[in-house]
């Protein structure tokens, strides 16, 4: 990957009152060391922050907008969905994707 990279950005609609803006999703890691955020202006980008040092640790860029995210209460794992039939998972060791083979499946929320 060549640096610097460009992150996908959506301009706020000027013809709509009260457009979505700011942090639309956030989740803490199990140990509260990390905060994961998604800005509504960059719906495909997940930001990972270290809360102890108040610094950005990583940026995860998806091809589709992140609809929801949920923390695994038993392990240091974060799960993302984008409205597709895939679940995207992040752990301290890396990220991976799980494809669920069901026709017409669209995962929009996580509980």
PDB file of N, CA and C in Angstrom:
ATOM      1  N   UNK A   1       0.839  -1.168   0.000  1.00  0.00           N
ATOM      2  CA  UNK A   1       0.000   0.000   0.000  1.00  0.00           C
ATOM      3  C   UNK A   1       0.887   1.235   0.000  1.00  0.00           C
ATOM      4  N   UNK A   2       0.515   2.173  -0.824  1.00  0.00           N
ATOM      5  CA  UNK A   2       1.276   3.406  -0.929  1.00  0.00           C
ATOM      6  C   UNK A   2       0.700   4.473  -0.004  1.00  0.00           C
ATOM      7  N   UNK A   3       1.559   5.175   0.687  1.00  0.00           N
ATOM      8  CA  UNK A   3       1.120   6.226   1.596  1.00  0.00           C
ATOM      9  C   UNK A   3       1.376   7.586   0.978  1.00  0.00           C
ATOM     10  N   UNK A   4       0.626   8.603   1.232  1.00  0.00           N
ATOM     11  CA  UNK A   4      -0.594   8.576   2.043  1.00  0.00           C
ATOM     12  C   UNK A   4      -1.760   7.990   1.252  1.00  0.00           C
ATOM     13  N   UNK A   5      -2.746   7.488   1.965  1.00  0.00           N
ATOM     14  CA  UNK A   5      -3.942   6.961   1.321  1.00  0.00           C
ATOM     15  C   UNK A   5      -5.062   7.991   1.436  1.00  0.00           C
ATOM     16  N   UNK A   6      -6.028   7.889   0.551  1.00  0.00           N
ATOM     17  CA  UNK A   6      -7.206   8.759   0.608  1.00  0.00           C
ATOM     18  C   UNK A   6      -8.363   7.961   1.179  1.00  0.00           C
ATOM     19  N   UNK A   7      -9.021   8.514   2.172  1.00  0.00           N
ATOM     20  CA  UNK A   7     -10.172   7.848   2.769  1.00  0.00           C
ATOM     21  C   UNK A   7     -11.443   8.336   2.094  1.00  0.00           C
ATOM     22  N   UNK A   8     -12.394   7.409   1.825  1.00  0.00           N
ATOM     23  CA  UNK A   8     -13.656   7.813   1.200  1.00  0.00           C
ATOM     24  C   UNK A   8     -14.433   8.768   2.108  1.00  0.00           C
ATOM     25  N   UNK A   9     -14.960   9.825   1.525  1.00  0.00           N
ATOM     26  CA  UNK A   9     -15.651  10.862   2.283  1.00  0.00           C
ATOM     27  C   UNK A   9     -16.936  11.241   1.553  1.00  0.00           C
ATOM     28  N   UNK A  10     -18.026  11.411   2.307  1.00  0.00           N
ATOM     29  CA  UNK A  10     -19.289  11.848   1.724  1.00  0.00           C
ATOM     30  C   UNK A  10     -19.582  13.272   2.173  1.00  0.00           C
ATOM     31  N   UNK A  11     -19.888  14.132   1.214  1.00  0.00           N
ATOM     32  CA  UNK A  11     -20.264  15.503   1.558  1.00  0.00           C
ATOM     33  C   UNK A  11     -21.660  15.500   2.165  1.00  0.00           C
ATOM     34  N   UNK A  12     -21.882  16.407   3.106  1.00  0.00           N
ATOM     35  CA  UNK A  12     -23.206  16.536   3.706  1.00  0.00           C
ATOM     36  C   UNK A  12     -24.181  17.084   2.672  1.00  0.00           C
ATOM     37  N   UNK A  13     -25.395  16.505   2.601  1.00  0.00           N
ATOM     38  CA  UNK A  13     -26.386  17.043   1.664  1.00  0.00           C
ATOM     39  C   UNK A  13     -26.840  18.434   2.117  1.00  0.00           C
ATOM     40  N   UNK A  14     -26.809  19.377   1.206  1.00  0.00           N
ATOM     41  CA  UNK A  14     -27.203  20.743   1.550  1.00  0.00           C
ATOM     42  C   UNK A  14     -28.702  20.968   1.407  1.00  0.00           C
ATOM     43  N   UNK A  15     -29.399  20.023   0.768  1.00  0.00           N
ATOM     44  CA  UNK A  15     -30.831  20.189   0.544  1.00  0.00           C
ATOM     45  C   UNK A  15     -31.695  19.480   1.595  1.00  0.00           C
ATOM     46  N   UNK A  16     -31.083  18.887   2.618  1.00  0.00           N
ATOM     47  CA  UNK A  16     -31.829  18.186   3.665  1.00  0.00           C
ATOM     48  C   UNK A  16     -31.580  18.852   5.016  1.00  0.00           C
ATOM     49  N   UNK A  17     -32.656  19.038   5.796  1.00  0.00           N
ATOM     50  CA  UNK A  17     -32.448  19.584   7.139  1.00  0.00           C
ATOM     51  C   UNK A  17     -31.874  18.520   8.074  1.00  0.00           C
ATOM     52  N   UNK A  18     -31.017  18.918   8.965  1.00  0.00           N
ATOM     53  CA  UNK A  18     -30.432  18.032   9.982  1.00  0.00           C
ATOM     54  C   UNK A  18     -29.818  16.752   9.407  1.00  0.00           C
ATOM     55  N   UNK A  19     -28.853  16.869   8.496  1.00  0.00           N
ATOM     56  CA  UNK A  19     -28.226  15.652   7.962  1.00  0.00           C
ATOM     57  C   UNK A  19     -27.420  14.940   9.042  1.00  0.00           C
ATOM     58  N   UNK A  20     -27.266  13.624   8.870  1.00  0.00           N
ATOM     59  CA  UNK A  20     -26.451  12.856   9.815  1.00  0.00           C
ATOM     60  C   UNK A  20     -25.009  13.334   9.715  1.00  0.00           C
ATOM     61  N   UNK A  21     -24.425  13.629  10.863  1.00  0.00           N
ATOM     62  CA  UNK A  21     -23.020  14.022  10.881  1.00  0.00           C
ATOM     63  C   UNK A  21     -22.431  13.699  12.245  1.00  0.00           C
ATOM     64  N   UNK A  22     -21.138  13.522  12.277  1.00  0.00           N
ATOM     65  CA  UNK A  22     -20.471  13.184  13.532  1.00  0.00           C
ATOM     66  C   UNK A  22     -20.333  11.687  13.704  1.00  0.00           C
ATOM     67  N   UNK A  23     -20.114  11.249  14.932  1.00  0.00           N
ATOM     68  CA  UNK A  23     -19.901   9.837  15.232  1.00  0.00           C
ATOM     69  C   UNK A  23     -21.254   9.135  15.316  1.00  0.00           C
ATOM     70  N   UNK A  24     -21.522   8.256  14.355  1.00  0.00           N
ATOM     71  CA  UNK A  24     -22.796   7.540  14.298  1.00  0.00           C
ATOM     72  C   UNK A  24     -22.756   6.194  14.983  1.00  0.00           C
ATOM     73  N   UNK A  25     -21.569   5.609  15.119  1.00  0.00           N
ATOM     74  CA  UNK A  25     -21.396   4.324  15.807  1.00  0.00           C
ATOM     75  C   UNK A  25     -20.151   4.394  16.671  1.00  0.00           C
ATOM     76  N   UNK A  26     -20.221   3.758  17.841  1.00  0.00           N
ATOM     77  CA  UNK A  26     -19.016   3.604  18.653  1.00  0.00           C
ATOM     78  C   UNK A  26     -19.155   2.379  19.534  1.00  0.00           C
ATOM     79  N   UNK A  27     -18.007   1.797  19.867  1.00  0.00           N
ATOM     80  CA  UNK A  27     -17.979   0.606  20.713  1.00  0.00           C
ATOM     81  C   UNK A  27     -16.631   0.547  21.423  1.00  0.00           C
ATOM     82  N   UNK A  28     -16.662   0.168  22.692  1.00  0.00           N
ATOM     83  CA  UNK A  28     -15.442  -0.015  23.476  1.00  0.00           C
ATOM     84  C   UNK A  28     -14.995  -1.467  23.405  1.00  0.00           C
ATOM     85  N   UNK A  29     -13.686  -1.699  23.457  1.00  0.00           N
ATOM     86  CA  UNK A  29     -13.166  -3.061  23.559  1.00  0.00           C
ATOM     87  C   UNK A  29     -13.504  -3.613  24.941  1.00  0.00           C
ATOM     88  N   UNK A  30     -13.414  -4.918  25.091  1.00  0.00           N
ATOM     89  CA  UNK A  30     -13.774  -5.578  26.350  1.00  0.00           C
ATOM     90  C   UNK A  30     -12.996  -5.004  27.534  1.00  0.00           C
ATOM     91  N   UNK A  31     -11.716  -4.707  27.332  1.00  0.00           N
ATOM     92  CA  UNK A  31     -10.874  -4.192  28.417  1.00  0.00           C
ATOM     93  C   UNK A  31     -10.885  -2.657  28.504  1.00  0.00           C
ATOM     94  N   UNK A  32     -11.708  -2.012  27.698  1.00  0.00           N
ATOM     95  CA  UNK A  32     -11.840  -0.543  27.648  1.00  0.00           C
ATOM     96  C   UNK A  32     -10.564   0.167  27.211  1.00  0.00           C
ATOM     97  N   UNK A  33      -9.628  -0.562  26.638  1.00  0.00           N
ATOM     98  CA  UNK A  33      -8.392   0.060  26.166  1.00  0.00           C
ATOM     99  C   UNK A  33      -8.597   0.741  24.814  1.00  0.00           C
ATOM    100  N   UNK A  34      -9.520   0.222  24.005  1.00  0.00           N
ATOM    101  CA  UNK A  34      -9.729   0.753  22.660  1.00  0.00           C
ATOM    102  C   UNK A  34     -11.161   1.233  22.473  1.00  0.00           C
ATOM    103  N   UNK A  35     -11.288   2.291  21.697  1.00  0.00           N
ATOM    104  CA  UNK A  35     -12.587   2.809  21.291  1.00  0.00           C
ATOM    105  C   UNK A  35     -12.643   2.727  19.775  1.00  0.00           C
ATOM    106  N   UNK A  36     -13.712   2.137  19.249  1.00  0.00           N
ATOM    107  CA  UNK A  36     -13.919   2.020  17.810  1.00  0.00           C
ATOM    108  C   UNK A  36     -15.018   3.001  17.421  1.00  0.00           C
ATOM    109  N   UNK A  37     -14.785   3.812  16.385  1.00  0.00           N
ATOM    110  CA  UNK A  37     -15.775   4.800  15.974  1.00  0.00           C
ATOM    111  C   UNK A  37     -15.971   4.779  14.462  1.00  0.00           C
ATOM    112  N   UNK A  38     -17.187   5.184  14.052  1.00  0.00           N
ATOM    113  CA  UNK A  38     -17.482   5.379  12.632  1.00  0.00           C
ATOM    114  C   UNK A  38     -18.122   6.752  12.482  1.00  0.00           C
ATOM    115  N   UNK A  39     -17.528   7.586  11.659  1.00  0.00           N
ATOM    116  CA  UNK A  39     -18.026   8.929  11.393  1.00  0.00           C
ATOM    117  C   UNK A  39     -19.056   8.840  10.268  1.00  0.00           C
ATOM    118  N   UNK A  40     -20.194   9.511  10.416  1.00  0.00           N
ATOM    119  CA  UNK A  40     -21.244   9.453   9.397  1.00  0.00           C
ATOM    120  C   UNK A  40     -20.797  10.020   8.053  1.00  0.00           C
ATOM    121  N   UNK A  41     -19.801  10.895   8.039  1.00  0.00           N
ATOM    122  CA  UNK A  41     -19.277  11.435   6.781  1.00  0.00           C
ATOM    123  C   UNK A  41     -18.342  10.451   6.082  1.00  0.00           C
ATOM    124  N   UNK A  42     -17.894   9.428   6.812  1.00  0.00           N
ATOM    125  CA  UNK A  42     -17.009   8.392   6.275  1.00  0.00           C
ATOM    126  C   UNK A  42     -17.576   7.029   6.679  1.00  0.00           C
ATOM    127  N   UNK A  43     -18.719   6.632   6.121  1.00  0.00           N
ATOM    128  CA  UNK A  43     -19.418   5.440   6.605  1.00  0.00           C
ATOM    129  C   UNK A  43     -18.714   4.113   6.335  1.00  0.00           C
ATOM    130  N   UNK A  44     -17.682   4.101   5.509  1.00  0.00           N
ATOM    131  CA  UNK A  44     -16.960   2.862   5.236  1.00  0.00           C
ATOM    132  C   UNK A  44     -15.692   2.721   6.070  1.00  0.00           C
ATOM    133  N   UNK A  45     -15.425   3.706   6.926  1.00  0.00           N
ATOM    134  CA  UNK A  45     -14.160   3.746   7.668  1.00  0.00           C
ATOM    135  C   UNK A  45     -14.406   3.542   9.164  1.00  0.00           C
ATOM    136  N   UNK A  46     -13.659   2.612   9.752  1.00  0.00           N
ATOM    137  CA  UNK A  46     -13.702   2.382  11.196  1.00  0.00           C
ATOM    138  C   UNK A  46     -12.376   2.852  11.786  1.00  0.00           C
ATOM    139  N   UNK A  47     -12.463   3.673  12.826  1.00  0.00           N
ATOM    140  CA  UNK A  47     -11.294   4.234  13.490  1.00  0.00           C
ATOM    141  C   UNK A  47     -11.088   3.496  14.801  1.00  0.00           C
ATOM    142  N   UNK A  48      -9.867   3.077  15.072  1.00  0.00           N
ATOM    143  CA  UNK A  48      -9.533   2.409  16.332  1.00  0.00           C
ATOM    144  C   UNK A  48      -8.628   3.344  17.132  1.00  0.00           C
ATOM    145  N   UNK A  49      -9.093   3.724  18.330  1.00  0.00           N
ATOM    146  CA  UNK A  49      -8.381   4.674  19.187  1.00  0.00           C
ATOM    147  C   UNK A  49      -7.899   3.985  20.451  1.00  0.00           C
ATOM    148  N   UNK A  50      -6.695   4.328  20.909  1.00  0.00           N
ATOM    149  CA  UNK A  50      -6.194   3.862  22.196  1.00  0.00           C
ATOM    150  C   UNK A  50      -6.612   4.888  23.237  1.00  0.00           C
ATOM    151  N   UNK A  51      -7.447   4.469  24.192  1.00  0.00           N
ATOM    152  CA  UNK A  51      -7.979   5.421  25.173  1.00  0.00           C
ATOM    153  C   UNK A  51      -6.947   5.811  26.233  1.00  0.00           C
ATOM    154  N   UNK A  52      -5.965   4.963  26.474  1.00  0.00           N
ATOM    155  CA  UNK A  52      -4.948   5.284  27.477  1.00  0.00           C
ATOM    156  C   UNK A  52      -4.019   6.390  26.983  1.00  0.00           C
ATOM    157  N   UNK A  53      -3.610   6.308  25.712  1.00  0.00           N
ATOM    158  CA  UNK A  53      -2.663   7.272  25.154  1.00  0.00           C
ATOM    159  C   UNK A  53      -3.336   8.327  24.279  1.00  0.00           C
ATOM    160  N   UNK A  54      -4.665   8.237  24.122  1.00  0.00           N
ATOM    161  CA  UNK A  54      -5.433   9.189  23.319  1.00  0.00           C
ATOM    162  C   UNK A  54      -4.850   9.351  21.921  1.00  0.00           C
ATOM    163  N   UNK A  55      -4.600   8.209  21.253  1.00  0.00           N
ATOM    164  CA  UNK A  55      -4.049   8.276  19.906  1.00  0.00           C
ATOM    165  C   UNK A  55      -4.706   7.251  18.999  1.00  0.00           C
ATOM    166  N   UNK A  56      -4.665   7.557  17.716  1.00  0.00           N
ATOM    167  CA  UNK A  56      -5.215   6.671  16.699  1.00  0.00           C
ATOM    168  C   UNK A  56      -4.285   5.484  16.522  1.00  0.00           C
ATOM    169  N   UNK A  57      -4.846   4.273  16.565  1.00  0.00           N
ATOM    170  CA  UNK A  57      -4.050   3.054  16.455  1.00  0.00           C
ATOM    171  C   UNK A  57      -4.162   2.440  15.063  1.00  0.00           C
ATOM    172  N   UNK A  58      -5.379   2.445  14.499  1.00  0.00           N
ATOM    173  CA  UNK A  58      -5.590   1.801  13.203  1.00  0.00           C
ATOM    174  C   UNK A  58      -6.820   2.381  12.522  1.00  0.00           C
ATOM    175  N   UNK A  59      -6.861   2.201  11.212  1.00  0.00           N
ATOM    176  CA  UNK A  59      -8.026   2.570  10.409  1.00  0.00           C
ATOM    177  C   UNK A  59      -8.382   1.355   9.568  1.00  0.00           C
ATOM    178  N   UNK A  60      -9.629   0.914   9.662  1.00  0.00           N
ATOM    179  CA  UNK A  60     -10.123  -0.193   8.840  1.00  0.00           C
ATOM    180  C   UNK A  60     -11.065   0.393   7.797  1.00  0.00           C
ATOM    181  N   UNK A  61     -10.811   0.117   6.520  1.00  0.00           N
ATOM    182  CA  UNK A  61     -11.641   0.653   5.446  1.00  0.00           C
ATOM    183  C   UNK A  61     -12.377  -0.503   4.778  1.00  0.00           C
ATOM    184  N   UNK A  62     -13.691  -0.427   4.777  1.00  0.00           N
ATOM    185  CA  UNK A  62     -14.535  -1.437   4.145  1.00  0.00           C
ATOM    186  C   UNK A  62     -14.947  -0.933   2.757  1.00  0.00           C
ATOM    187  N   UNK A  63     -15.400  -1.845   1.896  1.00  0.00           N
ATOM    188  CA  UNK A  63     -15.887  -1.448   0.575  1.00  0.00           C
ATOM    189  C   UNK A  63     -17.293  -0.870   0.646  1.00  0.00           C
ATOM    190  N   UNK A  64     -18.061  -1.297   1.660  1.00  0.00           N
ATOM    191  CA  UNK A  64     -19.441  -0.835   1.824  1.00  0.00           C
ATOM    192  C   UNK A  64     -19.578  -0.137   3.174  1.00  0.00           C
ATOM    193  N   UNK A  65     -20.632   0.652   3.317  1.00  0.00           N
ATOM    194  CA  UNK A  65     -20.871   1.388   4.560  1.00  0.00           C
ATOM    195  C   UNK A  65     -21.088   0.434   5.729  1.00  0.00           C
ATOM    196  N   UNK A  66     -20.496   0.744   6.856  1.00  0.00           N
ATOM    197  CA  UNK A  66     -20.643  -0.060   8.069  1.00  0.00           C
ATOM    198  C   UNK A  66     -22.004   0.257   8.681  1.00  0.00           C
ATOM    199  N   UNK A  67     -22.879  -0.754   8.751  1.00  0.00           N
ATOM    200  CA  UNK A  67     -24.236  -0.577   9.296  1.00  0.00           C
ATOM    201  C   UNK A  67     -24.241  -0.688  10.812  1.00  0.00           C
ATOM    202  N   UNK A  68     -23.477  -1.648  11.328  1.00  0.00           N
ATOM    203  CA  UNK A  68     -23.481  -1.902  12.771  1.00  0.00           C
ATOM    204  C   UNK A  68     -22.178  -2.568  13.164  1.00  0.00           C
ATOM    205  N   UNK A  69     -21.870  -2.483  14.451  1.00  0.00           N
ATOM    206  CA  UNK A  69     -20.721  -3.196  15.003  1.00  0.00           C
ATOM    207  C   UNK A  69     -21.082  -3.659  16.402  1.00  0.00           C
ATOM    208  N   UNK A  70     -20.459  -4.764  16.806  1.00  0.00           N
ATOM    209  CA  UNK A  70     -20.721  -5.318  18.137  1.00  0.00           C
ATOM    210  C   UNK A  70     -19.437  -5.926  18.665  1.00  0.00           C
ATOM    211  N   UNK A  71     -19.246  -5.787  19.962  1.00  0.00           N
ATOM    212  CA  UNK A  71     -18.076  -6.339  20.636  1.00  0.00           C
ATOM    213  C   UNK A  71     -18.407  -7.737  21.128  1.00  0.00           C
ATOM    214  N   UNK A  72     -17.464  -8.652  20.984  1.00  0.00           N
ATOM    215  CA  UNK A  72     -17.600  -9.996  21.539  1.00  0.00           C
ATOM    216  C   UNK A  72     -17.316  -9.900  23.033  1.00  0.00           C
ATOM    217  N   UNK A  73     -18.272 -10.280  23.905  1.00  0.00           N
ATOM    218  CA  UNK A  73     -18.046 -10.145  25.350  1.00  0.00           C
ATOM    219  C   UNK A  73     -17.063 -11.165  25.921  1.00  0.00           C
ATOM    220  N   UNK A  74     -16.705 -12.185  25.134  1.00  0.00           N
ATOM    221  CA  UNK A  74     -15.836 -13.245  25.646  1.00  0.00           C
ATOM    222  C   UNK A  74     -14.405 -13.182  25.123  1.00  0.00           C
ATOM    223  N   UNK A  75     -14.159 -12.355  24.113  1.00  0.00           N
ATOM    224  CA  UNK A  75     -12.829 -12.306  23.496  1.00  0.00           C
ATOM    225  C   UNK A  75     -12.579 -10.899  22.960  1.00  0.00           C
ATOM    226  N   UNK A  76     -11.316 -10.541  22.728  1.00  0.00           N
ATOM    227  CA  UNK A  76     -11.022  -9.222  22.155  1.00  0.00           C
ATOM    228  C   UNK A  76     -11.306  -9.216  20.646  1.00  0.00           C
ATOM    229  N   UNK A  77     -12.578  -9.168  20.308  1.00  0.00           N
ATOM    230  CA  UNK A  77     -12.993  -9.250  18.903  1.00  0.00           C
ATOM    231  C   UNK A  77     -14.127  -8.256  18.663  1.00  0.00           C
ATOM    232  N   UNK A  78     -14.085  -7.604  17.510  1.00  0.00           N
ATOM    233  CA  UNK A  78     -15.142  -6.692  17.095  1.00  0.00           C
ATOM    234  C   UNK A  78     -15.714  -7.226  15.791  1.00  0.00           C
ATOM    235  N   UNK A  79     -17.037  -7.233  15.675  1.00  0.00           N
ATOM    236  CA  UNK A  79     -17.715  -7.731  14.480  1.00  0.00           C
ATOM    237  C   UNK A  79     -18.419  -6.559  13.802  1.00  0.00           C
ATOM    238  N   UNK A  80     -18.281  -6.468  12.472  1.00  0.00           N
ATOM    239  CA  UNK A  80     -18.914  -5.416  11.674  1.00  0.00           C
ATOM    240  C   UNK A  80     -19.836  -6.042  10.647  1.00  0.00           C
ATOM    241  N   UNK A  81     -20.911  -5.337  10.294  1.00  0.00           N
ATOM    242  CA  UNK A  81     -21.723  -5.752   9.152  1.00  0.00           C
ATOM    243  C   UNK A  81     -21.933  -4.544   8.247  1.00  0.00           C
ATOM    244  N   UNK A  82     -22.127  -4.838   6.949  1.00  0.00           N
ATOM    245  CA  UNK A  82     -22.241  -3.770   5.957  1.00  0.00           C
ATOM    246  C   UNK A  82     -23.495  -3.889   5.098  1.00  0.00           C
ATOM    247  N   UNK A  83     -24.445  -4.709   5.520  1.00  0.00           N
ATOM    248  CA  UNK A  83     -25.643  -4.903   4.714  1.00  0.00           C
ATOM    249  C   UNK A  83     -25.479  -5.981   3.662  1.00  0.00           C
ATOM    250  N   UNK A  84     -24.359  -6.680   3.680  1.00  0.00           N
ATOM    251  CA  UNK A  84     -24.116  -7.778   2.744  1.00  0.00           C
ATOM    252  C   UNK A  84     -24.302  -9.104   3.484  1.00  0.00           C
ATOM    253  N   UNK A  85     -23.890 -10.187   2.884  1.00  0.00           N
ATOM    254  CA  UNK A  85     -23.979 -11.503   3.528  1.00  0.00           C
ATOM    255  C   UNK A  85     -22.665 -11.873   4.219  1.00  0.00           C
ATOM    256  N   UNK A  86     -21.847 -10.870   4.508  1.00  0.00           N
ATOM    257  CA  UNK A  86     -20.554 -11.092   5.157  1.00  0.00           C
ATOM    258  C   UNK A  86     -20.518 -10.446   6.540  1.00  0.00           C
ATOM    259  N   UNK A  87     -19.772 -11.080   7.442  1.00  0.00           N
ATOM    260  CA  UNK A  87     -19.447 -10.492   8.734  1.00  0.00           C
ATOM    261  C   UNK A  87     -17.944 -10.239   8.735  1.00  0.00           C
ATOM    262  N   UNK A  88     -17.542  -9.054   9.134  1.00  0.00           N
ATOM    263  CA  UNK A  88     -16.135  -8.680   9.167  1.00  0.00           C
ATOM    264  C   UNK A  88     -15.700  -8.614  10.623  1.00  0.00           C
ATOM    265  N   UNK A  89     -14.623  -9.304  10.948  1.00  0.00           N
ATOM    266  CA  UNK A  89     -14.179  -9.391  12.333  1.00  0.00           C
ATOM    267  C   UNK A  89     -12.763  -8.857  12.477  1.00  0.00           C
ATOM    268  N   UNK A  90     -12.543  -8.130  13.578  1.00  0.00           N
ATOM    269  CA  UNK A  90     -11.225  -7.601  13.899  1.00  0.00           C
ATOM    270  C   UNK A  90     -10.803  -8.158  15.244  1.00  0.00           C
ATOM    271  N   UNK A  91      -9.555  -8.605  15.328  1.00  0.00           N
ATOM    272  CA  UNK A  91      -8.933  -9.016  16.586  1.00  0.00           C
ATOM    273  C   UNK A  91      -7.564  -8.345  16.643  1.00  0.00           C
ATOM    274  N   UNK A  92      -6.903  -8.343  17.793  1.00  0.00           N
ATOM    275  CA  UNK A  92      -5.554  -7.772  17.841  1.00  0.00           C
ATOM    276  C   UNK A  92      -4.570  -8.470  16.895  1.00  0.00           C
ATOM    277  N   UNK A  93      -4.870  -9.702  16.503  1.00  0.00           N
ATOM    278  CA  UNK A  93      -3.984 -10.436  15.603  1.00  0.00           C
ATOM    279  C   UNK A  93      -4.272 -10.174  14.133  1.00  0.00           C
ATOM    280  N   UNK A  94      -5.400  -9.543  13.829  1.00  0.00           N
ATOM    281  CA  UNK A  94      -5.728  -9.264  12.440  1.00  0.00           C
ATOM    282  C   UNK A  94      -7.220  -9.223  12.197  1.00  0.00           C
ATOM    283  N   UNK A  95      -7.571  -9.093  10.930  1.00  0.00           N
ATOM    284  CA  UNK A  95      -8.973  -9.013  10.539  1.00  0.00           C
ATOM    285  C   UNK A  95      -9.292 -10.149   9.579  1.00  0.00           C
ATOM    286  N   UNK A  96     -10.551 -10.581   9.596  1.00  0.00           N
ATOM    287  CA  UNK A  96     -10.979 -11.618   8.668  1.00  0.00           C
ATOM    288  C   UNK A  96     -12.456 -11.465   8.361  1.00  0.00           C
ATOM    289  N   UNK A  97     -12.897 -12.166   7.324  1.00  0.00           N
ATOM    290  CA  UNK A  97     -14.266 -12.071   6.837  1.00  0.00           C
ATOM    291  C   UNK A  97     -14.906 -13.453   6.861  1.00  0.00           C
ATOM    292  N   UNK A  98     -16.172 -13.505   7.282  1.00  0.00           N
ATOM    293  CA  UNK A  98     -16.947 -14.745   7.261  1.00  0.00           C
ATOM    294  C   UNK A  98     -18.108 -14.531   6.303  1.00  0.00           C
ATOM    295  N   UNK A  99     -18.211 -15.388   5.292  1.00  0.00           N
ATOM    296  CA  UNK A  99     -19.297 -15.308   4.324  1.00  0.00           C
ATOM    297  C   UNK A  99     -20.392 -16.292   4.717  1.00  0.00           C
ATOM    298  N   UNK A 100     -21.621 -15.807   4.808  1.00  0.00           N
ATOM    299  CA  UNK A 100     -22.757 -16.661   5.154  1.00  0.00           C
ATOM    300  C   UNK A 100     -23.527 -16.934   3.872  1.00  0.00           C
ATOM    301  N   UNK A 101     -23.540 -18.186   3.466  1.00  0.00           N
ATOM    302  CA  UNK A 101     -24.091 -18.584   2.180  1.00  0.00           C
ATOM    303  C   UNK A 101     -25.597 -18.838   2.250  1.00  0.00           C
ATOM    304  N   UNK A 102     -26.366 -17.773   2.337  1.00  0.00           N
ATOM    305  CA  UNK A 102     -27.822 -17.851   2.281  1.00  0.00           C
ATOM    306  C   UNK A 102     -28.304 -16.891   1.200  1.00  0.00           C
ATOM    307  N   UNK A 103     -29.193 -17.366   0.309  1.00  0.00           N
ATOM    308  CA  UNK A 103     -29.661 -16.478  -0.758  1.00  0.00           C
ATOM    309  C   UNK A 103     -30.384 -15.256  -0.187  1.00  0.00           C
ATOM    310  N   UNK A 104     -30.142 -14.120  -0.783  1.00  0.00           N
ATOM    311  CA  UNK A 104     -30.821 -12.870  -0.440  1.00  0.00           C
ATOM    312  C   UNK A 104     -30.527 -12.368   0.979  1.00  0.00           C
ATOM    313  N   UNK A 105     -29.494 -12.887   1.650  1.00  0.00           N
ATOM    314  CA  UNK A 105     -29.187 -12.461   3.013  1.00  0.00           C
ATOM    315  C   UNK A 105     -28.541 -11.079   3.005  1.00  0.00           C
ATOM    316  N   UNK A 106     -29.030 -10.222   3.881  1.00  0.00           N
ATOM    317  CA  UNK A 106     -28.489  -8.881   4.042  1.00  0.00           C
ATOM    318  C   UNK A 106     -28.406  -8.588   5.538  1.00  0.00           C
ATOM    319  N   UNK A 107     -27.195  -8.624   6.101  1.00  0.00           N
ATOM    320  CA  UNK A 107     -27.007  -8.413   7.539  1.00  0.00           C
ATOM    321  C   UNK A 107     -26.914  -6.909   7.790  1.00  0.00           C
ATOM    322  N   UNK A 108     -27.918  -6.377   8.497  1.00  0.00           N
ATOM    323  CA  UNK A 108     -28.004  -4.938   8.733  1.00  0.00           C
ATOM    324  C   UNK A 108     -27.757  -4.540  10.186  1.00  0.00           C
ATOM    325  N   UNK A 109     -27.832  -5.496  11.120  1.00  0.00           N
ATOM    326  CA  UNK A 109     -27.691  -5.160  12.534  1.00  0.00           C
ATOM    327  C   UNK A 109     -27.072  -6.339  13.270  1.00  0.00           C
ATOM    328  N   UNK A 110     -26.460  -6.059  14.403  1.00  0.00           N
ATOM    329  CA  UNK A 110     -25.850  -7.081  15.250  1.00  0.00           C
ATOM    330  C   UNK A 110     -26.355  -6.890  16.668  1.00  0.00           C
ATOM    331  N   UNK A 111     -26.609  -7.961  17.349  1.00  0.00           N
ATOM    332  CA  UNK A 111     -27.088  -7.891  18.746  1.00  0.00           C
ATOM    333  C   UNK A 111     -26.121  -8.606  19.653  1.00  0.00           C
TER     334      UNK A 111
END
